[in-house]
Every structure is written in C-alpha cells, then in structure tokens.
Protein backbone atom coordinates (compact mmCIF):
# COMPACT_ATOMS: atom_id res chain seq x y z
CA MET A 1 121.90 104.45 91.21
CA LYS A 2 119.99 107.91 91.31
CA ASP A 3 118.59 107.69 88.01
CA GLU A 4 117.60 104.36 88.40
CA MET A 5 115.44 105.55 91.15
CA ARG A 6 113.76 107.77 88.66
CA LEU A 7 113.39 105.23 86.51
CA LEU A 8 111.41 102.86 88.82
CA GLN A 9 109.27 106.00 90.37
CA GLY A 10 108.67 106.56 86.92
CA LYS A 11 107.47 103.17 86.10
CA ALA A 12 105.80 102.78 89.53
CA SER A 13 103.91 105.97 88.93
CA ARG A 14 103.21 105.09 85.46
CA GLY A 15 101.23 101.87 86.99
CA SER A 16 103.79 98.84 87.07
CA GLY A 17 102.75 96.34 89.59
CA ALA A 18 106.48 95.18 89.63
CA ALA A 19 107.62 98.30 89.75
CA GLN A 20 105.47 99.36 92.46
CA LEU A 21 106.21 96.12 94.25
CA GLU A 22 110.33 97.11 94.27
CA LEU A 23 109.92 100.36 95.57
CA GLY A 24 107.33 99.32 98.42
CA HIS A 25 109.85 96.50 99.22
CA GLY A 26 112.76 98.51 98.84
CA TYR A 27 111.73 101.52 101.32
CA MET A 28 110.01 98.92 103.46
CA SER A 29 113.56 96.64 103.27
CA GLY A 30 115.89 99.83 102.72
CA ARG A 31 117.48 98.24 99.29
CA LEU A 32 116.21 97.81 95.89
CA LEU A 33 116.76 94.43 93.78
CA SER A 34 119.60 96.21 92.55
CA GLY A 35 120.99 96.39 95.82
CA GLU A 36 120.92 100.19 96.62
CA SER A 37 120.64 101.29 99.43
CA ILE A 38 117.63 103.53 100.16
CA GLU A 39 116.28 105.36 103.38
CA CYS A 40 113.24 103.16 104.79
CA ASP A 41 110.41 104.96 104.88
CA TYR A 42 107.37 102.95 105.92
CA ALA A 43 105.02 105.39 104.94
CA GLN A 44 106.11 105.24 100.97
CA ALA A 45 106.36 101.10 101.60
CA ARG A 46 102.45 101.35 102.30
CA TYR A 47 102.13 103.67 99.74
CA TRP A 48 103.80 101.45 96.66
CA LEU A 49 103.00 97.99 98.37
CA GLN A 50 99.13 99.28 98.14
CA GLN A 51 99.16 100.55 94.46
CA ALA A 52 100.57 97.02 93.82
CA HIS A 53 98.00 95.12 96.16
CA ALA A 54 95.29 97.07 94.22
CA GLN A 55 97.05 95.21 91.22
CA GLY A 56 96.87 91.90 92.65
CA VAL A 57 100.27 91.09 92.71
CA ALA A 58 100.68 88.67 95.61
CA THR A 59 103.43 90.00 97.25
CA ALA A 60 102.93 93.35 98.01
CA SER A 61 99.81 91.74 99.88
CA LEU A 62 102.01 89.41 101.84
CA LEU A 63 104.28 92.20 102.19
CA LEU A 64 101.27 94.89 103.58
CA GLY A 65 100.01 92.04 105.65
CA MET A 66 103.48 91.86 107.07
CA MET A 67 103.42 95.54 107.97
CA ASN A 68 100.12 95.66 109.24
CA GLU A 69 100.44 92.07 112.04
CA GLU A 70 103.82 93.66 112.60
CA GLY A 71 102.99 98.01 113.28
CA LEU A 72 105.56 99.02 110.88
CA GLY A 73 104.05 102.67 109.95
CA GLY A 74 101.50 102.58 112.01
CA GLU A 75 99.50 100.21 114.69
CA ALA A 76 99.76 96.54 114.55
CA ASP A 77 96.54 95.52 112.50
CA PRO A 78 96.66 91.42 113.11
CA VAL A 79 92.28 91.27 111.52
CA ALA A 80 93.97 94.07 108.47
CA ALA A 81 96.50 91.49 108.18
CA ILE A 82 94.81 88.59 108.07
CA ALA A 83 92.96 89.52 105.11
CA LEU A 84 95.86 90.49 103.31
CA TYR A 85 97.62 87.17 103.85
CA GLU A 86 94.16 85.23 102.50
CA VAL A 87 94.67 87.55 99.27
CA ALA A 88 98.17 86.28 98.73
CA ALA A 89 97.08 82.70 99.94
CA GLN A 90 94.71 82.63 97.10
CA HIS A 91 97.24 83.32 94.60
CA GLY A 92 99.57 80.35 96.35
CA ASP A 93 101.98 82.09 98.27
CA VAL A 94 103.14 80.13 100.59
CA ILE A 95 104.45 82.51 103.40
CA SER A 96 101.08 84.02 103.42
CA CYS A 97 99.11 80.53 104.43
CA LEU A 98 102.40 79.70 106.93
CA ARG A 99 102.03 83.69 108.30
CA LEU A 100 98.37 82.93 108.78
CA ALA A 101 98.48 79.30 109.94
CA ARG A 102 100.85 80.76 112.17
CA LEU A 103 98.19 83.78 114.01
CA HIS A 104 95.38 80.94 114.36
CA ALA A 105 97.66 78.83 116.13
CA ALA A 106 98.56 82.11 118.72
CA SER A 107 94.74 83.02 119.05
CA ASP A 108 93.43 78.97 119.56
CA SER A 109 92.18 78.73 116.53
CA ARG A 110 93.42 75.08 116.30
CA ALA A 111 91.10 74.36 113.47
CA LEU A 112 91.72 77.25 111.36
CA ALA A 113 95.72 76.84 111.93
CA GLU A 114 95.65 73.33 110.70
CA ASP A 115 93.34 74.17 107.36
CA TRP A 116 96.86 76.53 107.01
CA TYR A 117 99.28 74.22 108.14
CA ARG A 118 97.83 71.13 105.41
CA LYS A 119 97.56 74.37 102.66
CA VAL A 120 101.24 74.88 103.60
CA LEU A 121 102.48 71.13 102.67
CA GLN A 122 99.88 71.03 99.56
CA LEU A 123 101.76 74.55 98.17
CA GLY A 124 105.19 74.08 98.94
CA THR A 125 108.11 72.29 97.41
CA ALA A 126 110.97 70.88 98.74
CA GLU A 127 113.56 72.65 97.43
CA ALA A 128 112.19 76.70 97.94
CA ASP A 129 109.80 76.25 101.12
CA ALA A 130 111.45 72.94 103.24
CA ASP A 131 111.75 75.39 106.49
CA GLU A 132 107.78 75.80 106.23
CA ILE A 133 107.02 72.79 105.18
CA ALA A 134 108.89 71.17 108.20
CA GLU A 135 107.07 73.45 110.97
CA ALA A 136 103.64 72.44 109.15
CA LYS A 137 104.27 68.59 109.19
CA ALA A 138 105.59 69.43 113.46
CA TYR A 139 102.79 71.34 113.99
CA LEU A 140 100.33 68.88 112.38
CA ALA A 141 102.18 65.76 114.22
CA ASP A 142 101.91 67.40 117.53
CA VAL A 143 98.13 68.39 117.29
CA GLN A 144 97.20 64.50 116.04
CA SER A 145 99.40 63.00 118.98
C-alpha cells in the first residue's frame, strides 16, 4: 500500500488534478479511494485540495469550502466557504448549491437561499440527489406558504 501512496503523491506532484483531489480528500477523511487508511492531516488536505481547486476541480472546491465552513485545519471562514461553494456550483455541483442554500437560509438571506434551493432542483437527479431535492422542495414549500 505504501507503493500506492508513493505513486499517488508522484502523480499529484506532477500536476494530476485527480491525484491531488484524492490526496486532499484522503488527508481530510483519513482514507484513500482504494480503502487504504492514512493519517488525517488537515494541513496536507488543504494543500492538495488547493492545488486541485486551482486546476478547476469542482469537488476540490466543495471540499475546501467544507473545511472553511467547519473550521477544519484552521479558523471557520464562512465567507471563504461561500466563495468556494460558488465555484463548485458553477460547475454544476449539487452539494455546493445545497450548502449555499443552507448558509444563506441560516443568515436570513431568504431570497438567496431560495435561489440556491431552486438550483438544487434544477441540477439534481432523482436517483443521486433524492435527499437534497426533498430538502429543497420542503424549504421552498415552506417559504411559499
């Protein structure tokens, strides 16, 4: 397994966005896609996710947003989280749209929350995003009543 990690780090160092994303997610969660456990390291997670984000990898933007929103590996920064979620949302990431909707709803930005929940409905697929779609429908039904 250490050989696999070395190969992944080599690919990431040579600029592979997919490898950078996998390393960033692995260091964030403590597990690589292969199932190999690695030590959770938020500084390394941020580094590799920032590298992938700089290459336009939407999932990296989402994960960096989550780290900023939740304060993983540093201070919580909702402004940075929103900016990162917006980047991922521009690439059609449904989870980023949902997180944006929740953040705006929590800050009483009802119009923005509604816009992002509508985007969830627009982008979501019934099979993959059923919970997200249900949440969006419930929120929008509540504000319309």
